[in-house]
Amino acid sequence: EIKEGGVTEVERISFTGNRVYSDRRLRRVLASKQAGLLRTFVQGDTFVAERLTLDRQLLVDFYRARGYPDVQVTGVSSEMTRDREGFFMTFNIVEGQQYKFGKITAVSEVEELDAKDFEKLTKIRAGAIYSPNAIDLAITRLEEQALRKGANFVRVDPRVTRDERTQTLNVEF
């Protein structure tokens, strides 16, 4: 005989260490949701321990896309409420510093391809806020250009170097 208890909901989601983004903004990023007025219709407010891993990754991706390459979610604590009907979740975040793109260059190790033809295709401006998505898009454009020029099997590797003094990331494709 199995007696199932009720569904355990997430009563509150909070964050520590966040200075740049508010708790409210960060809650919108997560797959887990706080129980609210529509609790009978919303499935995201049910506490699922496996969802915590996804939530951690979503937070890291959110910060990295906004120029914080060193962000870390150092821990997540989930505590049951006194009445054992729900959970309080707290995410511990270390944001790090925001970085911008510095110098963007291209070099070619393939003799028949001139790096100058590829540098403009990156479409990354120095001074723009760092985003790994911008690097991924640039790699795709550069590899497609190599294919158009007849160079099959060319792989573009970004080499990112950090300038702590100016808080920029220089990228060499």
Protein backbone atom coordinates (compact mmCIF):
# COMPACT_ATOMS: atom_id res chain seq x y z
CA GLU A 1 0.00 0.00 0.00
CA ILE A 2 1.34 3.38 -0.98
CA LYS A 3 -0.01 6.60 0.45
CA GLU A 4 1.02 9.59 -1.61
CA GLY A 5 1.33 12.97 0.01
CA GLY A 6 0.29 16.21 -1.59
CA VAL A 7 2.28 18.05 -4.21
CA THR A 8 5.06 20.15 -2.69
CA GLU A 9 5.24 23.65 -4.11
CA VAL A 10 8.00 26.23 -4.26
CA GLU A 11 6.82 28.93 -1.89
CA ARG A 12 9.71 31.37 -2.35
CA ILE A 13 12.73 31.72 -4.62
CA SER A 14 15.45 34.11 -3.51
CA PHE A 15 19.04 34.94 -4.43
CA THR A 16 22.16 36.00 -2.58
CA GLY A 17 25.14 37.75 -4.15
CA ASN A 18 23.21 39.32 -7.03
CA ARG A 19 24.00 43.01 -7.34
CA VAL A 20 23.28 43.75 -10.98
CA TYR A 21 19.94 42.00 -11.51
CA SER A 22 17.00 41.99 -9.13
CA ASP A 23 15.49 38.85 -7.62
CA ARG A 24 12.39 39.49 -9.71
CA ARG A 25 14.39 39.56 -12.96
CA LEU A 26 16.32 36.42 -12.08
CA ARG A 27 13.14 34.51 -11.16
CA ARG A 28 11.91 35.00 -14.73
CA VAL A 29 15.01 33.19 -16.01
CA LEU A 30 14.39 30.01 -14.02
CA ALA A 31 12.36 26.97 -15.05
CA SER A 32 11.15 26.69 -11.43
CA LYS A 33 8.44 29.16 -10.47
CA GLN A 34 7.06 30.41 -7.18
CA ALA A 35 3.57 29.28 -6.23
CA GLY A 36 1.14 32.09 -6.74
CA LEU A 37 -2.51 32.84 -7.35
CA LEU A 38 -2.68 30.47 -10.33
CA ARG A 39 -1.09 27.57 -8.45
CA THR A 40 -3.64 25.04 -9.70
CA PHE A 41 -2.75 25.77 -13.35
CA VAL A 42 1.02 26.32 -13.15
CA GLN A 43 3.14 23.17 -13.12
CA GLY A 44 6.47 25.01 -12.78
CA ASP A 45 5.77 25.81 -9.13
CA THR A 46 5.95 22.16 -8.09
CA PHE A 47 9.26 21.38 -6.38
CA VAL A 48 11.35 19.01 -8.53
CA ALA A 49 14.90 18.45 -7.28
CA GLU A 50 16.17 17.57 -10.78
CA ARG A 51 15.03 20.98 -12.04
CA LEU A 52 17.64 22.67 -9.82
CA THR A 53 20.44 21.62 -12.20
CA LEU A 54 18.59 23.21 -15.10
CA ASP A 55 17.93 26.36 -13.07
CA ARG A 56 21.61 26.69 -12.21
CA GLN A 57 22.58 26.40 -15.88
CA LEU A 58 19.91 28.90 -16.92
CA LEU A 59 21.29 31.45 -14.46
CA VAL A 60 24.87 30.93 -15.69
CA ASP A 61 23.77 31.26 -19.34
CA PHE A 62 21.78 34.42 -18.53
CA TYR A 63 24.76 36.14 -16.91
CA ARG A 64 27.31 35.01 -19.53
CA ALA A 65 25.12 36.32 -22.35
CA ARG A 66 25.26 39.71 -20.62
CA GLY A 67 29.03 39.96 -20.28
CA TYR A 68 29.79 38.04 -17.06
CA PRO A 69 32.07 35.16 -18.13
CA ASP A 70 33.16 34.34 -14.57
CA VAL A 71 29.70 33.98 -13.03
CA GLN A 72 29.22 31.05 -10.67
CA VAL A 73 26.19 29.63 -8.94
CA THR A 74 28.04 28.35 -5.91
CA GLY A 75 25.09 26.59 -4.36
CA VAL A 76 21.36 26.15 -4.09
CA SER A 77 19.70 25.53 -0.79
CA SER A 78 16.19 24.21 -0.59
CA GLU A 79 14.50 24.15 2.79
CA MET A 80 11.11 22.74 3.62
CA THR A 81 8.59 25.07 5.23
CA ARG A 82 7.50 24.44 8.82
CA ASP A 83 4.14 23.06 7.73
CA ARG A 84 5.97 20.74 5.27
CA GLU A 85 3.74 21.98 2.44
CA GLY A 86 6.39 23.76 0.39
CA PHE A 87 10.02 24.72 -0.15
CA PHE A 88 12.09 27.89 0.09
CA MET A 89 14.86 27.96 -2.53
CA THR A 90 17.93 30.21 -2.34
CA PHE A 91 20.50 30.49 -5.14
CA ASN A 92 23.99 31.72 -4.18
CA ILE A 93 25.54 33.72 -7.02
CA VAL A 94 29.02 35.15 -7.54
CA GLU A 95 28.60 37.53 -10.47
CA GLY A 96 32.19 38.56 -11.17
CA GLN A 97 33.00 41.55 -13.38
CA GLN A 98 31.28 42.49 -16.62
CA TYR A 99 33.54 42.36 -19.67
CA LYS A 100 33.35 43.97 -23.09
CA PHE A 101 34.92 42.92 -26.35
CA GLY A 102 38.37 44.35 -26.93
CA LYS A 103 40.41 43.84 -30.07
CA ILE A 104 38.87 41.47 -32.66
CA THR A 105 41.33 39.96 -35.13
CA ALA A 106 41.57 37.07 -37.58
CA VAL A 107 44.57 35.03 -38.63
CA SER A 108 44.71 32.30 -41.23
CA GLU A 109 46.74 29.13 -41.08
CA VAL A 110 45.42 28.19 -44.54
CA GLU A 111 47.61 29.74 -47.25
CA GLU A 112 44.86 30.33 -49.83
CA LEU A 113 42.66 32.23 -47.35
CA ASP A 114 43.42 35.86 -46.52
CA ALA A 115 42.55 36.76 -42.93
CA LYS A 116 41.62 40.34 -43.95
CA ASP A 117 38.64 38.96 -45.94
CA PHE A 118 37.33 37.32 -42.79
CA GLU A 119 37.89 40.00 -40.16
CA LYS A 120 34.92 42.12 -41.29
CA LEU A 121 32.59 39.10 -41.17
CA THR A 122 32.87 38.71 -37.40
CA LYS A 123 30.50 41.69 -36.95
CA ILE A 124 31.71 42.09 -33.37
CA ARG A 125 32.47 45.65 -32.37
CA ALA A 126 35.15 46.50 -29.85
CA GLY A 127 33.45 47.95 -26.79
CA ALA A 128 30.30 45.84 -27.15
CA ILE A 129 29.33 43.75 -24.14
CA TYR A 130 30.86 40.29 -24.28
CA SER A 131 28.56 37.48 -25.34
CA PRO A 132 29.47 33.88 -26.16
CA ASN A 133 26.55 33.89 -28.62
CA ALA A 134 28.25 36.64 -30.66
CA ILE A 135 31.38 34.47 -30.88
CA ASP A 136 29.35 31.43 -31.98
CA LEU A 137 27.62 33.46 -34.71
CA ALA A 138 30.95 34.83 -35.91
CA ILE A 139 32.41 31.32 -36.12
CA THR A 140 29.45 30.20 -38.22
CA ARG A 141 29.83 33.15 -40.61
CA LEU A 142 33.59 32.62 -40.97
CA GLU A 143 33.26 28.89 -41.65
CA GLU A 144 30.52 29.53 -44.24
CA GLN A 145 32.77 32.10 -45.96
CA ALA A 146 35.60 29.55 -46.07
CA LEU A 147 33.24 27.07 -47.74
CA ARG A 148 32.21 29.68 -50.32
CA LYS A 149 35.89 30.24 -51.10
CA GLY A 150 36.32 26.49 -51.70
CA ALA A 151 38.17 25.63 -48.50
CA ASN A 152 36.43 22.55 -47.12
CA PHE A 153 36.99 21.28 -43.61
CA VAL A 154 38.18 24.61 -42.24
CA ARG A 155 37.55 25.03 -38.54
CA VAL A 156 37.54 28.43 -36.87
CA ASP A 157 38.81 28.46 -33.30
CA PRO A 158 38.46 31.58 -31.18
CA ARG A 159 41.34 32.41 -28.86
CA VAL A 160 40.09 34.65 -26.09
CA THR A 161 42.58 36.61 -24.02
CA ARG A 162 41.62 38.63 -21.00
CA ASP A 163 42.76 42.16 -20.21
CA GLU A 164 41.98 42.59 -16.51
CA ARG A 165 43.06 46.23 -16.49
CA THR A 166 40.54 47.37 -19.12
CA GLN A 167 38.03 44.56 -18.41
CA THR A 168 37.96 43.52 -22.04
CA LEU A 169 38.25 40.21 -23.82
CA ASN A 170 40.33 40.20 -27.01
CA VAL A 171 39.31 37.59 -29.56
CA GLU A 172 41.49 36.16 -32.27
CA PHE A 173 39.71 33.93 -34.80
